[in-house]
Amino acid sequence: MSKVVLSLAARLRLMALAVTLALLGLGAYTGVAFHDAALDLRLGATRAVVQQSLSIAQRWQEQEATGKVSRAQAQQHAMDEIRAIRYDGKEYVWINDMVARMVAHPIKPELEGKDMSQTQDPDGKRLFMEFVETVKRNGSGYVDYLWPKPGEQANSPKRSYVAGFAPWNWVIGSGVYTDEVRAAAWRFAAVSLATALVVGLVVLAFVQRMANGLQRRLDNAQQALQAIAGGDLTRPVSAGRADEIGRLLQALERMRQDLGRMVAQVRAGSDGIGGACAQIASGNADLASRTEQAASELQRSAASMQQLAGGVQASAESATSAHALAAGAADVAQRGGEVVHRVVATMDEIQAGSRRIAEITGTIDGIAFQTNILALNAAVEAARAGEAGRGFAVVAGEVRALAQRSAAAAREIKDLIGGSVDKVEAGSRLVTEAGGTMDEIVSQVRRVAQLIGDVGVSLQQQAEGIAQARDAVGQLDTHTQQNASLVEETAAAAQHLREQAQRLESAAAVFRLEGMEHLPAVRTDARTQAAALIGRVAVRAAPPSSLQPRPQSKAAPAPKPAAAPSPAPAASGDDGEWEQF
């Protein structure tokens, strides 16, 4: 559900109405407060009168107590003084006793001496018995009942204050008619409400007039703002009085004037931008033509350098192939020398092993000799033992026989190993001589490979010099192409600037200005010419086909080594730019 938005004038009217209702409410509350205050004031006066009557009775009772007067005289003097009391014009004080018998009544003396215990008001309240009960219960208090006013027959609401005088069993009371207080309160409330109503109506009338004027001026301001929002800057804004709204309207008028001047300047500036864009496009076309001629000359120079570099590169590749073959032969010879060295190392290891076997065989021979001596000693000991050592003597004989055979076998192995060691030493000397010969062969092959490599290096240096010259020409051509690209970007920027100027002019054309409704627009032929020039620059900036890399021809189908170095491509740092153009 949409929220209701009240206007400023409506809110002012509601505020004035609220003030009026608040004043009326205040008047009503004042009337109620006046009624309560007036009633309390009247009741306070009644209570004071009753207390005064009690003082009178107390004074005469003291006279009785001192014996100066009798009780009847004292009571009579007290009743006379109390009957004479009047306050608020016509209010009085009466006296009855504790059995509800009327003792003194200044307005209706015919009631004196009568039993009033059965007297009731129209509501059925036994008012005198209620007086007695209030005194018995609290000593004093208020009682509400109905009683006719003096000189009238109709009953009126009355509130009386009663208090007991114990020495004489009297109930002294007096009351006020509450309808009079209510009537006075109503009169006061009527005056208050009438005053509040008049003041509220005056406030409403003033606020209504102020709201109408405020709404009228705000409507004028809204219409002026809507006209500005719609692009109409020819409508002046009237400020009126120089108050807050007037100052706001003056600021709005200054804003309209400043905005009109700004729009006029924007229109004039957009026309100037359009003419400048056409001039920039014309200059870019001339620059693109000269850049194209320079690029053509550089392309022919680059083609000649490319052919020369191809011939030198072919010779360098042939020298590189020969160097690779020589290097391969040197590698083979070197591997042969390494094999011979490994054979020599193997023969040395065999010789060392043979010597070690001879040493082990000598050790075995020594062990057999020692075993033979031990077996001989065991046989001697067995012979000394006689018959008890015969079996041991047989074992010792067998051990001796085994030891002798082991010694014989060890001597034969030693002889064989000695012969093998001699032969191995002879073979090792021959292999060492063969290794020296292979080293000389490897040295000669390396010298040949070095000479061929020097020739290849010289050719490669020549090729690099030609490549550097070609790279320089390529860089010049690249810079020329970059210049062409800058020309194209400048033309595109000029066209973009022209489009922005047209959009700016279109945006400014929405506003209507005083005396400037028909400003000249930028001519369309200049825009068409600029677009055509930009197209020409884009065509001329295309990459030339003569500078594309071509495959290099070889002089002869020579075998290609596995690790042969390849020459670096020329102008490698500008590959992305060549692809761009």
Protein backbone atom coordinates (compact mmCIF):
# COMPACT_ATOMS: atom_id res chain seq x y z
CA MET A 1 0.00 0.00 0.00
CA SER A 2 1.46 3.34 -1.07
CA LYS A 3 2.18 5.90 1.65
CA VAL A 4 0.11 9.11 1.50
CA VAL A 5 2.38 12.16 1.20
CA LEU A 6 0.84 15.43 2.38
CA SER A 7 1.84 18.75 0.91
CA LEU A 8 3.44 21.47 2.97
CA ALA A 9 0.24 23.57 2.89
CA ALA A 10 -1.85 20.60 4.03
CA ARG A 11 0.56 19.97 6.88
CA LEU A 12 0.31 23.64 7.93
CA ARG A 13 -3.47 23.40 7.90
CA LEU A 14 -3.38 20.22 9.94
CA MET A 15 -1.00 21.92 12.39
CA ALA A 16 -3.41 24.87 12.78
CA LEU A 17 -6.32 22.47 13.27
CA ALA A 18 -4.30 20.58 15.87
CA VAL A 19 -3.54 23.85 17.68
CA THR A 20 -7.27 24.72 17.67
CA LEU A 21 -8.21 21.29 19.03
CA ALA A 22 -5.48 21.60 21.65
CA LEU A 23 -6.88 24.99 22.75
CA LEU A 24 -10.39 23.53 22.97
CA GLY A 25 -9.07 20.60 24.98
CA LEU A 26 -7.23 23.02 27.25
CA GLY A 27 -10.45 25.02 27.76
CA ALA A 28 -12.37 21.86 28.68
CA TYR A 29 -9.64 20.76 31.06
CA THR A 30 -9.59 24.26 32.61
CA GLY A 31 -13.35 24.05 33.21
CA VAL A 32 -12.99 20.69 34.96
CA ALA A 33 -10.05 21.95 37.01
CA PHE A 34 -12.01 25.11 37.90
CA HIS A 35 -14.96 23.00 39.07
CA ASP A 36 -12.71 20.88 41.32
CA ALA A 37 -10.84 23.90 42.65
CA ALA A 38 -14.04 25.91 43.31
CA LEU A 39 -15.68 22.94 45.04
CA ASP A 40 -12.60 22.42 47.21
CA LEU A 41 -12.62 26.14 48.06
CA ARG A 42 -16.31 26.12 49.04
CA LEU A 43 -15.89 22.93 51.05
CA GLY A 44 -12.84 24.44 52.78
CA ALA A 45 -14.93 27.44 53.76
CA THR A 46 -17.72 25.13 55.03
CA ARG A 47 -15.26 23.13 57.11
CA ALA A 48 -13.84 26.33 58.57
CA VAL A 49 -17.33 27.57 59.50
CA VAL A 50 -18.14 24.24 61.20
CA GLN A 51 -14.86 24.43 63.12
CA GLN A 52 -15.77 27.97 64.16
CA SER A 53 -19.17 26.71 65.39
CA LEU A 54 -17.40 23.99 67.38
CA SER A 55 -15.22 26.68 68.95
CA ILE A 56 -18.32 28.63 69.95
CA ALA A 57 -19.87 25.53 71.57
CA GLN A 58 -16.55 24.73 73.26
CA ARG A 59 -16.34 28.26 74.68
CA TRP A 60 -19.85 28.10 76.21
CA GLN A 61 -19.27 24.57 77.47
CA GLU A 62 -16.26 25.90 79.35
CA GLN A 63 -18.49 28.65 80.81
CA GLU A 64 -20.82 25.85 81.96
CA ALA A 65 -17.96 23.90 83.45
CA THR A 66 -16.86 26.88 85.52
CA GLY A 67 -20.41 27.31 86.86
CA LYS A 68 -20.94 30.75 85.47
CA VAL A 69 -23.98 29.61 83.47
CA SER A 70 -26.17 26.59 83.45
CA ARG A 71 -26.12 24.05 80.67
CA ALA A 72 -29.41 25.27 79.26
CA GLN A 73 -28.17 28.86 79.25
CA ALA A 74 -24.85 27.84 77.75
CA GLN A 75 -26.54 25.76 75.01
CA GLN A 76 -28.97 28.60 74.28
CA HIS A 77 -26.20 31.18 73.93
CA ALA A 78 -24.27 28.79 71.68
CA MET A 79 -27.32 28.10 69.48
CA ASP A 80 -28.03 31.80 69.13
CA GLU A 81 -24.52 32.57 67.99
CA ILE A 82 -24.47 29.61 65.60
CA ARG A 83 -27.88 30.51 64.09
CA ALA A 84 -26.54 33.96 63.30
CA ILE A 85 -23.62 32.63 61.22
CA ARG A 86 -23.88 33.26 57.45
CA TYR A 87 -21.27 32.81 54.73
CA ASP A 88 -21.26 32.89 50.96
CA GLY A 89 -24.38 35.07 51.18
CA LYS A 90 -26.95 32.46 52.26
CA GLU A 91 -25.17 29.42 53.65
CA TYR A 92 -25.87 28.57 57.32
CA VAL A 93 -25.08 26.10 60.15
CA TRP A 94 -27.53 23.68 61.81
CA ILE A 95 -27.34 21.49 64.90
CA ASN A 96 -28.87 18.09 65.65
CA ASP A 97 -28.12 15.61 68.40
CA MET A 98 -26.87 12.04 68.30
CA VAL A 99 -30.43 10.63 67.98
CA ALA A 100 -31.14 12.71 64.88
CA ARG A 101 -33.36 15.27 66.65
CA MET A 102 -33.09 18.76 65.22
CA VAL A 103 -31.64 21.13 67.85
CA ALA A 104 -31.25 24.38 65.85
CA HIS A 105 -32.01 25.30 62.23
CA PRO A 106 -31.81 29.01 61.27
CA ILE A 107 -33.66 28.66 57.95
CA LYS A 108 -36.42 26.27 59.05
CA PRO A 109 -37.03 26.86 62.79
CA GLU A 110 -40.14 24.70 62.58
CA LEU A 111 -37.90 21.67 62.43
CA GLU A 112 -36.35 22.35 65.84
CA GLY A 113 -37.22 19.67 68.36
CA LYS A 114 -38.43 17.23 65.70
CA ASP A 115 -37.10 13.72 65.22
CA MET A 116 -35.32 13.75 61.87
CA SER A 117 -34.15 10.13 61.93
CA GLN A 118 -36.74 9.13 59.36
CA THR A 119 -36.22 12.12 57.09
CA GLN A 120 -35.11 11.00 53.63
CA ASP A 121 -34.08 12.79 50.47
CA PRO A 122 -35.64 11.88 47.09
CA ASP A 123 -33.03 9.16 46.68
CA GLY A 124 -34.15 7.47 49.90
CA LYS A 125 -31.06 8.40 51.92
CA ARG A 126 -31.80 9.00 55.65
CA LEU A 127 -29.53 11.98 55.69
CA PHE A 128 -29.65 12.87 59.42
CA MET A 129 -28.92 9.31 60.44
CA GLU A 130 -26.06 9.44 57.93
CA PHE A 131 -24.78 12.58 59.75
CA VAL A 132 -24.86 10.71 63.06
CA GLU A 133 -23.18 7.61 61.63
CA THR A 134 -20.40 9.70 60.06
CA VAL A 135 -19.68 11.41 63.38
CA LYS A 136 -19.78 8.12 65.28
CA ARG A 137 -17.50 6.50 62.72
CA ASN A 138 -14.95 9.23 62.01
CA GLY A 139 -15.72 12.14 64.32
CA SER A 140 -16.30 14.33 61.23
CA GLY A 141 -16.75 14.00 57.47
CA TYR A 142 -18.64 14.88 54.28
CA VAL A 143 -22.09 13.62 53.31
CA ASP A 144 -23.76 14.04 49.90
CA TYR A 145 -27.56 14.30 49.69
CA LEU A 146 -30.44 16.30 48.19
CA TRP A 147 -31.92 19.29 50.04
CA PRO A 148 -34.02 22.29 48.93
CA LYS A 149 -32.39 25.69 48.76
CA PRO A 150 -33.70 28.48 50.98
CA GLY A 151 -36.94 29.82 49.53
CA GLU A 152 -37.26 26.94 47.08
CA GLN A 153 -39.17 23.68 47.11
CA ALA A 154 -37.11 21.72 44.64
CA ASN A 155 -34.28 19.58 45.99
CA SER A 156 -30.73 20.36 44.88
CA PRO A 157 -27.54 18.36 45.33
CA LYS A 158 -25.72 19.38 48.47
CA ARG A 159 -22.50 18.30 50.21
CA SER A 160 -22.32 18.97 53.95
CA TYR A 161 -19.52 18.80 56.48
CA VAL A 162 -20.54 17.48 59.91
CA ALA A 163 -18.52 17.26 63.15
CA GLY A 164 -19.48 16.00 66.61
CA PHE A 165 -19.39 17.92 69.90
CA ALA A 166 -19.21 15.15 72.51
CA PRO A 167 -19.91 17.14 75.74
CA TRP A 168 -23.41 18.02 74.55
CA ASN A 169 -23.89 15.11 72.04
CA TRP A 170 -24.34 17.61 69.25
CA VAL A 171 -23.75 17.16 65.52
CA ILE A 172 -22.88 20.54 63.98
CA GLY A 173 -22.97 20.73 60.19
CA SER A 174 -23.11 23.01 57.19
CA GLY A 175 -23.12 22.41 53.45
CA VAL A 176 -22.85 23.91 50.00
CA TYR A 177 -25.01 23.33 46.97
CA THR A 178 -22.76 21.64 44.37
CA ASP A 179 -24.97 22.60 41.43
CA GLU A 180 -23.96 26.23 41.94
CA VAL A 181 -20.28 25.23 41.77
CA ARG A 182 -21.03 23.19 38.66
CA ALA A 183 -22.89 26.10 37.08
CA ALA A 184 -19.96 28.44 37.79
CA ALA A 185 -17.60 25.83 36.32
CA TRP A 186 -19.77 25.54 33.21
CA ARG A 187 -19.74 29.30 32.78
CA PHE A 188 -15.98 29.38 33.15
CA ALA A 189 -15.59 26.46 30.72
CA ALA A 190 -17.90 28.14 28.21
CA VAL A 191 -15.83 31.31 28.33
CA SER A 192 -12.60 29.31 28.01
CA LEU A 193 -13.91 27.22 25.11
CA ALA A 194 -15.24 30.30 23.32
CA THR A 195 -11.89 32.05 23.73
CA ALA A 196 -10.03 28.96 22.50
CA LEU A 197 -12.41 28.63 19.54
CA VAL A 198 -11.93 32.26 18.55
CA VAL A 199 -8.15 32.00 18.86
CA GLY A 200 -8.18 28.72 16.91
CA LEU A 201 -10.28 30.23 14.13
CA VAL A 202 -7.93 33.18 13.93
CA VAL A 203 -4.94 30.80 13.72
CA LEU A 204 -6.73 28.73 11.08
CA ALA A 205 -7.50 31.79 9.00
CA PHE A 206 -3.91 33.04 9.27
CA VAL A 207 -2.42 29.64 8.44
CA GLN A 208 -4.88 29.17 5.57
CA ARG A 209 -3.82 32.45 4.04
CA MET A 210 -0.15 31.71 4.58
CA ALA A 211 -0.54 28.16 3.18
CA ASN A 212 -2.31 29.45 0.07
CA GLY A 213 0.46 31.97 -0.60
CA LEU A 214 3.15 29.39 0.13
CA GLN A 215 1.49 26.82 -2.12
CA ARG A 216 1.14 29.35 -4.92
CA ARG A 217 4.82 30.32 -4.77
CA LEU A 218 5.93 26.69 -4.50
CA ASP A 219 3.78 25.83 -7.51
CA ASN A 220 5.53 28.61 -9.45
CA ALA A 221 8.91 27.20 -8.40
CA GLN A 222 7.84 23.68 -9.39
CA GLN A 223 6.69 24.84 -12.82
CA ALA A 224 9.99 26.66 -13.35
CA LEU A 225 11.98 23.55 -12.36
CA GLN A 226 9.84 21.36 -14.63
CA ALA A 227 10.46 23.79 -17.51
CA ILE A 228 14.23 23.64 -16.89
CA ALA A 229 14.08 19.85 -16.66
CA GLY A 230 12.26 19.85 -20.01
CA GLY A 231 15.01 21.96 -21.60
CA ASP A 232 13.18 25.30 -21.60
CA LEU A 233 15.64 27.93 -20.36
CA THR A 234 13.67 30.89 -21.74
CA ARG A 235 11.13 31.11 -18.94
CA PRO A 236 12.20 33.55 -16.17
CA VAL A 237 11.52 32.78 -12.50
CA SER A 238 9.78 35.47 -10.42
CA ALA A 239 11.11 35.64 -6.84
CA GLY A 240 8.38 37.78 -5.23
CA ARG A 241 9.00 38.67 -1.57
CA ALA A 242 12.58 38.48 -0.30
CA ASP A 243 11.90 35.78 2.28
CA GLU A 244 13.33 32.24 2.41
CA ILE A 245 11.28 31.06 -0.57
CA GLY A 246 12.07 34.31 -2.41
CA ARG A 247 15.80 33.70 -1.91
CA LEU A 248 15.31 30.13 -3.12
CA LEU A 249 13.58 31.39 -6.28
CA GLN A 250 16.32 33.98 -6.81
CA ALA A 251 18.93 31.21 -6.63
CA LEU A 252 16.82 29.20 -9.11
CA GLU A 253 16.76 32.17 -11.50
CA ARG A 254 20.55 32.54 -11.24
CA MET A 255 20.92 28.82 -11.92
CA ARG A 256 18.72 29.14 -15.04
CA GLN A 257 20.82 32.02 -16.35
CA ASP A 258 24.13 30.26 -15.62
CA LEU A 259 22.86 27.05 -17.21
CA GLY A 260 21.80 29.00 -20.32
CA ARG A 261 25.25 30.55 -20.66
CA MET A 262 26.89 27.17 -20.17
CA VAL A 263 24.72 25.51 -22.83
CA ALA A 264 25.51 28.33 -25.26
CA GLN A 265 29.23 27.85 -24.64
CA VAL A 266 28.89 24.09 -25.11
CA ARG A 267 27.17 24.58 -28.46
CA ALA A 268 29.84 26.99 -29.65
CA GLY A 269 32.62 24.67 -28.41
CA SER A 270 31.14 21.60 -30.14
CA ASP A 271 31.17 23.48 -33.48
CA GLY A 272 34.86 24.34 -33.01
CA ILE A 273 35.70 20.74 -32.10
CA GLY A 274 34.01 19.48 -35.29
CA GLY A 275 36.09 21.78 -37.52
CA ALA A 276 39.31 20.86 -35.70
CA CYS A 277 38.55 17.14 -36.16
CA ALA A 278 38.23 17.65 -39.94
CA GLN A 279 41.60 19.44 -40.05
CA ILE A 280 43.25 16.69 -38.00
CA ALA A 281 41.87 14.05 -40.40
CA SER A 282 43.28 15.93 -43.43
CA GLY A 283 46.73 16.21 -41.85
CA ASN A 284 46.68 12.51 -40.94
CA ALA A 285 45.95 11.61 -44.58
CA ASP A 286 49.02 13.55 -45.82
CA LEU A 287 51.21 11.99 -43.16
CA ALA A 288 49.93 8.52 -44.06
CA SER A 289 50.87 9.08 -47.75
CA ARG A 290 54.45 10.05 -46.92
CA THR A 291 54.75 7.17 -44.45
CA GLU A 292 53.61 4.76 -47.19
CA GLN A 293 56.37 5.93 -49.59
CA ALA A 294 59.06 5.53 -46.91
CA ALA A 295 57.78 2.03 -46.10
CA SER A 296 57.99 1.02 -49.80
CA GLU A 297 61.68 2.09 -50.07
CA LEU A 298 62.52 0.25 -46.87
CA GLN A 299 60.83 -2.90 -48.17
CA ARG A 300 63.02 -2.97 -51.29
CA SER A 301 66.17 -2.45 -49.20
CA ALA A 302 65.12 -5.19 -46.82
CA ALA A 303 64.56 -7.62 -49.75
CA SER A 304 68.13 -7.06 -51.06
CA MET A 305 69.62 -7.56 -47.62
CA GLN A 306 67.56 -10.71 -47.24
CA GLN A 307 69.06 -12.26 -50.43
CA LEU A 308 72.65 -11.40 -49.41
CA ALA A 309 72.06 -12.81 -45.95
CA GLY A 310 70.71 -16.03 -47.51
CA GLY A 311 73.93 -16.68 -49.49
CA VAL A 312 76.24 -16.04 -46.53
CA GLN A 313 74.02 -18.10 -44.31
CA ALA A 314 74.24 -21.09 -46.71
CA SER A 315 78.08 -20.95 -46.66
CA ALA A 316 78.06 -20.70 -42.88
CA GLU A 317 75.79 -23.72 -42.65
CA SER A 318 78.12 -25.77 -44.90
CA ALA A 319 81.12 -24.86 -42.73
CA THR A 320 79.06 -25.72 -39.69
CA SER A 321 78.23 -29.13 -41.15
CA ALA A 322 81.94 -29.85 -41.87
CA HIS A 323 82.84 -28.75 -38.37
CA ALA A 324 80.19 -31.06 -37.03
CA LEU A 325 81.57 -34.04 -39.00
CA ALA A 326 85.12 -33.33 -37.75
CA ALA A 327 83.82 -32.98 -34.23
CA GLY A 328 82.03 -36.31 -34.67
CA ALA A 329 85.28 -38.03 -35.81
CA ALA A 330 87.12 -36.54 -32.83
CA ASP A 331 84.41 -37.85 -30.55
CA VAL A 332 84.75 -41.36 -32.05
CA ALA A 333 88.55 -41.30 -31.65
CA GLN A 334 88.18 -40.02 -28.13
CA ARG A 335 85.76 -42.85 -27.31
CA GLY A 336 88.30 -45.35 -28.74
CA GLY A 337 91.02 -43.89 -26.53
CA GLU A 338 88.71 -44.14 -23.57
CA VAL A 339 88.07 -47.83 -24.37
CA VAL A 340 91.84 -48.50 -24.54
CA HIS A 341 92.30 -46.76 -21.20
CA ARG A 342 89.60 -48.93 -19.72
CA VAL A 343 91.37 -52.06 -21.10
CA VAL A 344 94.63 -50.91 -19.52
CA ALA A 345 92.82 -50.36 -16.23
CA THR A 346 91.27 -53.83 -16.52
CA MET A 347 94.70 -55.45 -17.15
CA ASP A 348 96.09 -53.67 -14.13
CA GLU A 349 93.25 -55.01 -12.06
CA ILE A 350 93.89 -58.58 -13.40
CA GLN A 351 97.59 -58.26 -12.60
CA ALA A 352 96.79 -57.06 -9.08
CA GLY A 353 94.37 -59.97 -8.67
CA SER A 354 96.96 -62.49 -9.82
CA ARG A 355 99.45 -61.18 -7.35
CA ARG A 356 96.85 -61.41 -4.63
CA ILE A 357 96.13 -65.04 -5.59
CA ALA A 358 99.87 -65.79 -5.41
CA GLU A 359 99.99 -64.31 -1.95
CA ILE A 360 96.98 -66.40 -0.88
CA THR A 361 98.60 -69.55 -2.33
CA GLY A 362 101.75 -68.85 -0.32
CA THR A 363 99.64 -68.53 2.76
CA ILE A 364 97.97 -71.90 2.02
CA ASP A 365 101.47 -73.49 1.58
CA GLY A 366 102.54 -72.13 4.95
CA ILE A 367 99.42 -73.50 6.56
CA ALA A 368 100.08 -76.97 5.01
CA PHE A 369 103.67 -76.90 6.32
CA GLN A 370 102.50 -76.06 9.82
CA THR A 371 99.79 -78.77 9.61
CA ASN A 372 102.48 -81.32 8.59
CA ILE A 373 104.64 -80.40 11.61
CA LEU A 374 101.66 -80.67 13.93
CA ALA A 375 100.72 -84.09 12.46
CA LEU A 376 104.36 -85.25 12.99
CA ASN A 377 104.29 -84.11 16.61
CA ALA A 378 100.94 -85.88 17.08
CA ALA A 379 102.42 -89.15 15.70
CA VAL A 380 105.37 -88.88 18.08
CA GLU A 381 103.06 -88.37 21.00
CA ALA A 382 100.88 -91.31 19.87
CA ALA A 383 103.96 -93.56 19.69
CA ARG A 384 104.88 -92.60 23.19
CA ALA A 385 101.35 -93.50 24.29
CA GLY A 386 101.76 -97.02 22.97
CA GLU A 387 98.70 -99.13 22.40
CA ALA A 388 96.39 -96.39 23.74
CA GLY A 389 97.56 -93.92 21.11
CA ARG A 390 97.46 -96.17 18.05
CA GLY A 391 94.19 -94.79 16.75
CA PHE A 392 95.35 -91.26 17.21
CA ALA A 393 98.56 -92.11 15.35
CA VAL A 394 96.49 -93.33 12.36
CA VAL A 395 94.53 -90.02 12.31
CA ALA A 396 97.72 -88.01 12.58
CA GLY A 397 99.15 -89.94 9.62
CA GLU A 398 96.12 -89.13 7.49
CA VAL A 399 96.30 -85.45 8.42
CA ARG A 400 99.98 -85.38 7.50
CA ALA A 401 99.22 -86.95 4.14
CA LEU A 402 96.52 -84.33 3.46
CA ALA A 403 98.87 -81.56 4.46
CA GLN A 404 101.53 -82.79 2.05
CA ARG A 405 99.04 -82.97 -0.83
CA SER A 406 97.80 -79.45 -0.03
CA ALA A 407 101.35 -78.11 -0.08
CA ALA A 408 102.01 -79.77 -3.45
CA ALA A 409 98.80 -78.32 -4.94
CA ALA A 410 99.63 -74.88 -3.59
CA ARG A 411 103.08 -74.96 -5.22
CA GLU A 412 101.56 -75.92 -8.59
CA ILE A 413 99.00 -73.09 -8.36
CA LYS A 414 101.75 -70.65 -7.48
CA ASP A 415 103.74 -71.66 -10.53
CA LEU A 416 100.68 -71.24 -12.80
CA ILE A 417 99.78 -67.85 -11.29
CA GLY A 418 103.37 -66.68 -11.74
CA GLY A 419 103.21 -67.47 -15.46
CA SER A 420 99.88 -65.68 -15.79
CA VAL A 421 101.23 -62.60 -14.06
CA ASP A 422 104.12 -62.41 -16.52
CA LYS A 423 101.78 -62.65 -19.48
CA VAL A 424 99.41 -60.05 -18.02
CA GLU A 425 102.28 -57.62 -17.52
CA ALA A 426 103.31 -58.05 -21.15
CA GLY A 427 99.72 -57.45 -22.37
CA SER A 428 99.41 -54.39 -20.15
CA ARG A 429 102.52 -52.86 -21.71
CA LEU A 430 101.10 -53.41 -25.21
CA VAL A 431 97.72 -51.88 -24.27
CA THR A 432 99.45 -48.85 -22.77
CA GLU A 433 101.33 -48.30 -26.02
CA ALA A 434 98.03 -48.58 -27.98
CA GLY A 435 96.44 -45.95 -25.64
CA GLY A 436 99.22 -43.49 -26.37
CA THR A 437 98.73 -43.97 -30.09
CA MET A 438 94.96 -43.30 -29.73
CA ASP A 439 95.67 -40.11 -27.79
CA GLU A 440 97.83 -38.79 -30.64
CA ILE A 441 95.06 -39.65 -33.15
CA VAL A 442 92.45 -37.77 -31.00
CA SER A 443 94.73 -34.71 -30.74
CA GLN A 444 95.20 -34.55 -34.54
CA VAL A 445 91.46 -34.91 -35.19
CA ARG A 446 90.68 -32.12 -32.70
CA ARG A 447 93.13 -29.76 -34.42
CA VAL A 448 91.41 -30.42 -37.77
CA ALA A 449 87.97 -29.80 -36.18
CA GLN A 450 89.25 -26.54 -34.67
CA LEU A 451 90.45 -25.26 -38.06
CA ILE A 452 87.09 -26.07 -39.65
CA GLY A 453 85.32 -24.37 -36.69
CA ASP A 454 87.39 -21.20 -37.19
CA VAL A 455 86.28 -21.07 -40.80
CA GLY A 456 82.62 -21.53 -39.71
CA VAL A 457 82.96 -18.80 -37.08
CA SER A 458 84.28 -16.35 -39.67
CA LEU A 459 81.35 -17.12 -41.95
CA GLN A 460 78.92 -16.83 -39.04
CA GLN A 461 80.32 -13.43 -38.10
CA GLN A 462 79.84 -12.27 -41.67
CA ALA A 463 76.26 -13.58 -41.59
CA GLU A 464 75.62 -11.81 -38.26
CA GLY A 465 76.93 -8.52 -39.66
CA ILE A 466 74.60 -8.82 -42.64
CA ALA A 467 71.78 -9.81 -40.27
CA GLN A 468 72.44 -6.73 -38.14
CA ALA A 469 72.22 -4.54 -41.22
CA ARG A 470 68.99 -6.31 -42.18
CA ASP A 471 67.69 -5.86 -38.64
CA ALA A 472 68.45 -2.15 -38.79
CA VAL A 473 66.49 -1.88 -42.03
CA GLY A 474 63.72 -3.95 -40.43
CA GLN A 475 63.64 -1.66 -37.42
CA LEU A 476 63.36 1.35 -39.69
CA ASP A 477 60.48 -0.35 -41.44
CA THR A 478 58.94 -1.21 -38.05
CA HIS A 479 59.18 2.40 -36.92
CA THR A 480 57.58 3.42 -40.19
CA GLN A 481 54.75 0.95 -39.59
CA GLN A 482 54.41 2.24 -36.04
CA ASN A 483 54.15 5.75 -37.38
CA ALA A 484 51.40 4.52 -39.68
CA SER A 485 49.68 2.94 -36.68
CA LEU A 486 49.94 6.19 -34.76
CA VAL A 487 48.43 7.99 -37.74
CA GLU A 488 45.55 5.51 -37.73
CA GLU A 489 45.07 5.88 -33.96
CA THR A 490 45.12 9.66 -34.29
CA ALA A 491 42.52 9.48 -37.02
CA ALA A 492 40.39 7.15 -34.91
CA ALA A 493 40.77 9.49 -31.91
CA ALA A 494 39.75 12.43 -34.11
CA GLN A 495 36.69 10.52 -35.28
CA HIS A 496 35.84 9.56 -31.68
CA LEU A 497 36.27 13.17 -30.62
CA ARG A 498 33.99 14.21 -33.47
CA GLU A 499 31.35 11.71 -32.34
CA GLN A 500 31.63 12.97 -28.76
CA ALA A 501 31.23 16.53 -30.03
CA GLN A 502 28.12 15.48 -31.98
CA ARG A 503 26.63 13.80 -28.88
CA LEU A 504 27.49 16.86 -26.82
CA GLU A 505 25.84 19.07 -29.42
CA SER A 506 22.78 16.80 -29.47
CA ALA A 507 22.57 16.94 -25.66
CA ALA A 508 22.91 20.74 -25.68
CA ALA A 509 20.31 21.04 -28.45
CA VAL A 510 17.65 19.83 -26.00
CA PHE A 511 17.75 23.22 -24.23
CA ARG A 512 15.97 26.24 -25.64
CA LEU A 513 17.78 29.53 -25.09
CA GLU A 514 16.76 33.12 -25.50
CA GLY A 515 17.88 34.35 -28.96
CA MET A 516 19.86 31.12 -29.62
CA GLU A 517 17.22 28.77 -31.00
CA HIS A 518 18.99 28.26 -34.37
CA LEU A 519 22.71 27.76 -33.80
CA PRO A 520 24.65 26.47 -36.89
CA ALA A 521 25.52 22.81 -36.76
CA VAL A 522 28.76 21.21 -37.97
CA ARG A 523 28.60 20.41 -41.67
CA THR A 524 28.16 16.77 -42.62
CA ASP A 525 30.63 16.97 -45.53
CA ALA A 526 33.54 17.51 -43.09
CA ARG A 527 32.42 14.47 -41.11
CA THR A 528 32.21 12.39 -44.31
CA GLN A 529 35.65 13.56 -45.41
CA ALA A 530 37.16 12.66 -42.02
CA ALA A 531 35.65 9.17 -42.18
CA ALA A 532 37.03 8.64 -45.72
CA LEU A 533 40.51 9.77 -44.64
CA ILE A 534 40.47 7.38 -41.70
CA GLY A 535 39.58 4.53 -44.09
CA ARG A 536 42.54 5.43 -46.34
CA VAL A 537 44.90 5.45 -43.37
CA ALA A 538 43.66 2.04 -42.26
CA VAL A 539 44.28 0.59 -45.76
CA ARG A 540 47.79 2.03 -46.00
CA ALA A 541 48.70 0.66 -42.57
CA ALA A 542 48.36 -2.99 -43.79
CA PRO A 543 51.55 -5.12 -43.34
CA PRO A 544 53.69 -5.51 -46.55
CA SER A 545 54.13 -9.05 -47.87
CA SER A 546 57.79 -8.55 -48.84
CA LEU A 547 58.90 -8.48 -45.21
CA GLN A 548 57.34 -11.79 -44.27
CA PRO A 549 59.96 -14.45 -43.31
CA ARG A 550 60.86 -16.81 -46.19
CA PRO A 551 62.45 -20.30 -46.07
CA GLN A 552 66.23 -20.26 -46.64
CA SER A 553 67.73 -22.32 -49.48
CA LYS A 554 70.67 -24.69 -48.89
CA ALA A 555 73.64 -25.15 -51.17
CA ALA A 556 73.91 -28.93 -50.77
CA PRO A 557 72.02 -31.61 -48.86
CA ALA A 558 74.63 -32.03 -46.12
CA PRO A 559 73.87 -34.26 -43.11
CA LYS A 560 72.55 -32.23 -40.19
CA PRO A 561 74.17 -32.80 -36.77
CA ALA A 562 72.04 -33.38 -33.73
CA ALA A 563 73.39 -30.46 -31.69
CA ALA A 564 73.98 -27.95 -34.51
CA PRO A 565 73.16 -24.35 -33.44
CA SER A 566 70.54 -22.48 -35.48
CA PRO A 567 70.83 -18.74 -36.21
CA ALA A 568 68.48 -16.41 -34.30
CA PRO A 569 65.65 -14.88 -36.40
CA ALA A 570 66.12 -11.24 -37.28
CA ALA A 571 64.08 -8.55 -35.51
CA SER A 572 62.69 -11.04 -32.98
CA GLY A 573 61.70 -8.29 -30.59
CA ASP A 574 59.25 -6.81 -33.15
CA ASP A 575 57.34 -9.99 -34.08
CA GLY A 576 54.21 -8.87 -32.24
CA GLU A 577 54.28 -5.51 -34.03
CA TRP A 578 54.71 -7.20 -37.46
CA GLU A 579 51.71 -9.38 -36.68
CA GLN A 580 49.74 -6.32 -35.60
CA PHE A 581 50.38 -4.47 -38.87
